[in-house]
Amino acid sequence: MIKYLGSKRLLVERIVTLCQTLHPNAGTVLDLFSGTSRVGHALKMAGFGVYANDHNSYAHTLAMCYIQAHAPRLRDDAQRIIDELNTL
C-alpha cells in the first residue's frame, strides 16, 4: 500500500472493530476519504458492503482494485464461466 500524509493505516483495526460493534450483521458503509482504500478494503474483508469516494483520481483506481474487485458479482460470473468450461 501507498504511504502518504493522512493515511488511516494505524486506525484501520479500530475502525473495523467500531463498525462491527455498531453493525454486528455487517451492512453497507461509506468511506468518504478513501485515499489508498485501506479502510474500505478492511471493511470489505470483514463482510461490509463499501462505497468509496475521494477527490484524487488515483484513489478511484485503488478502490477498483481493493474494493470492487471483491464484489460477489465477479465471483458469480467467474464460477459460471468455470462451470461452463468444465462441461466441455
Protein backbone atom coordinates (compact mmCIF):
# COMPACT_ATOMS: atom_id res chain seq x y z
CA MET A 1 0.00 0.00 0.00
CA ILE A 2 0.99 3.59 -0.57
CA LYS A 3 2.10 5.58 2.47
CA TYR A 4 1.06 9.22 2.45
CA LEU A 5 0.13 12.03 4.81
CA GLY A 6 -3.35 11.39 6.15
CA SER A 7 -3.22 7.61 5.89
CA LYS A 8 -5.57 5.78 8.23
CA ARG A 9 -3.42 2.62 8.31
CA LEU A 10 -2.84 2.92 12.07
CA LEU A 11 -6.60 3.29 12.64
CA VAL A 12 -7.89 0.51 10.38
CA GLU A 13 -8.29 -2.13 13.10
CA ARG A 14 -10.11 0.31 15.39
CA ILE A 15 -12.40 1.49 12.60
CA VAL A 16 -13.34 -2.08 11.63
CA THR A 17 -13.97 -3.00 15.28
CA LEU A 18 -16.15 0.08 15.74
CA CYS A 19 -18.17 -0.70 12.61
CA GLN A 20 -18.63 -4.31 13.74
CA THR A 21 -19.81 -3.07 17.15
CA LEU A 22 -22.29 -0.63 15.64
CA HIS A 23 -23.49 -3.05 12.95
CA PRO A 24 -22.81 -6.67 14.04
CA ASN A 25 -24.56 -8.07 10.95
CA ALA A 26 -22.34 -6.03 8.62
CA GLY A 27 -24.24 -3.79 6.22
CA THR A 28 -23.01 -1.01 3.97
CA VAL A 29 -20.54 1.73 4.83
CA LEU A 30 -19.37 4.88 3.07
CA ASP A 31 -15.68 5.81 3.04
CA LEU A 32 -15.77 9.47 2.03
CA PHE A 33 -12.00 9.98 2.01
CA SER A 34 -10.89 6.60 0.70
CA GLY A 35 -7.34 7.51 -0.32
CA THR A 36 -5.43 4.23 -0.58
CA SER A 37 -8.60 2.22 0.23
CA ARG A 38 -7.07 0.65 3.35
CA VAL A 39 -10.23 1.17 5.39
CA GLY A 40 -12.61 0.18 2.61
CA HIS A 41 -10.63 -2.98 1.84
CA ALA A 42 -10.52 -4.00 5.52
CA LEU A 43 -14.26 -3.40 5.88
CA LYS A 44 -14.94 -5.36 2.69
CA MET A 45 -12.90 -8.27 4.09
CA ALA A 46 -14.96 -8.02 7.29
CA GLY A 47 -18.15 -8.55 5.27
CA PHE A 48 -19.35 -4.98 4.79
CA GLY A 49 -20.53 -3.51 1.53
CA VAL A 50 -18.40 -0.45 0.80
CA TYR A 51 -18.93 2.74 -1.16
CA ALA A 52 -15.66 4.64 -1.58
CA ASN A 53 -15.12 8.24 -2.62
CA ASP A 54 -12.14 10.55 -2.84
CA HIS A 55 -11.19 13.76 -4.63
CA ASN A 56 -7.94 12.31 -6.01
CA SER A 57 -8.25 10.31 -9.22
CA TYR A 58 -5.65 7.72 -8.17
CA ALA A 59 -8.00 6.74 -5.34
CA HIS A 60 -10.53 5.54 -7.92
CA THR A 61 -8.02 3.07 -9.35
CA LEU A 62 -7.09 1.79 -5.89
CA ALA A 63 -10.74 1.44 -4.87
CA MET A 64 -11.48 -0.53 -8.05
CA CYS A 65 -8.58 -2.84 -7.22
CA TYR A 66 -9.05 -3.33 -3.48
CA ILE A 67 -12.78 -2.88 -3.01
CA GLN A 68 -14.74 -3.57 -6.19
CA ALA A 69 -12.52 -6.49 -7.19
CA HIS A 70 -14.04 -8.47 -4.33
CA ALA A 71 -17.62 -7.95 -5.49
CA PRO A 72 -19.75 -11.13 -5.28
CA ARG A 73 -20.92 -10.50 -8.83
CA LEU A 74 -17.40 -11.10 -10.10
CA ARG A 75 -17.16 -14.38 -8.18
CA ASP A 76 -20.54 -15.48 -9.51
CA ASP A 77 -19.54 -14.64 -13.08
CA ALA A 78 -16.22 -16.43 -12.68
CA GLN A 79 -17.92 -19.52 -11.22
CA ARG A 80 -20.43 -19.57 -14.08
CA ILE A 81 -17.62 -19.45 -16.64
CA ILE A 82 -15.64 -22.15 -14.82
CA ASP A 83 -18.70 -24.39 -14.65
CA GLU A 84 -19.33 -23.85 -18.36
CA LEU A 85 -15.72 -24.67 -19.24
CA ASN A 86 -15.79 -27.77 -17.04
CA THR A 87 -18.65 -29.16 -19.14
CA LEU A 88 -16.58 -29.03 -22.34
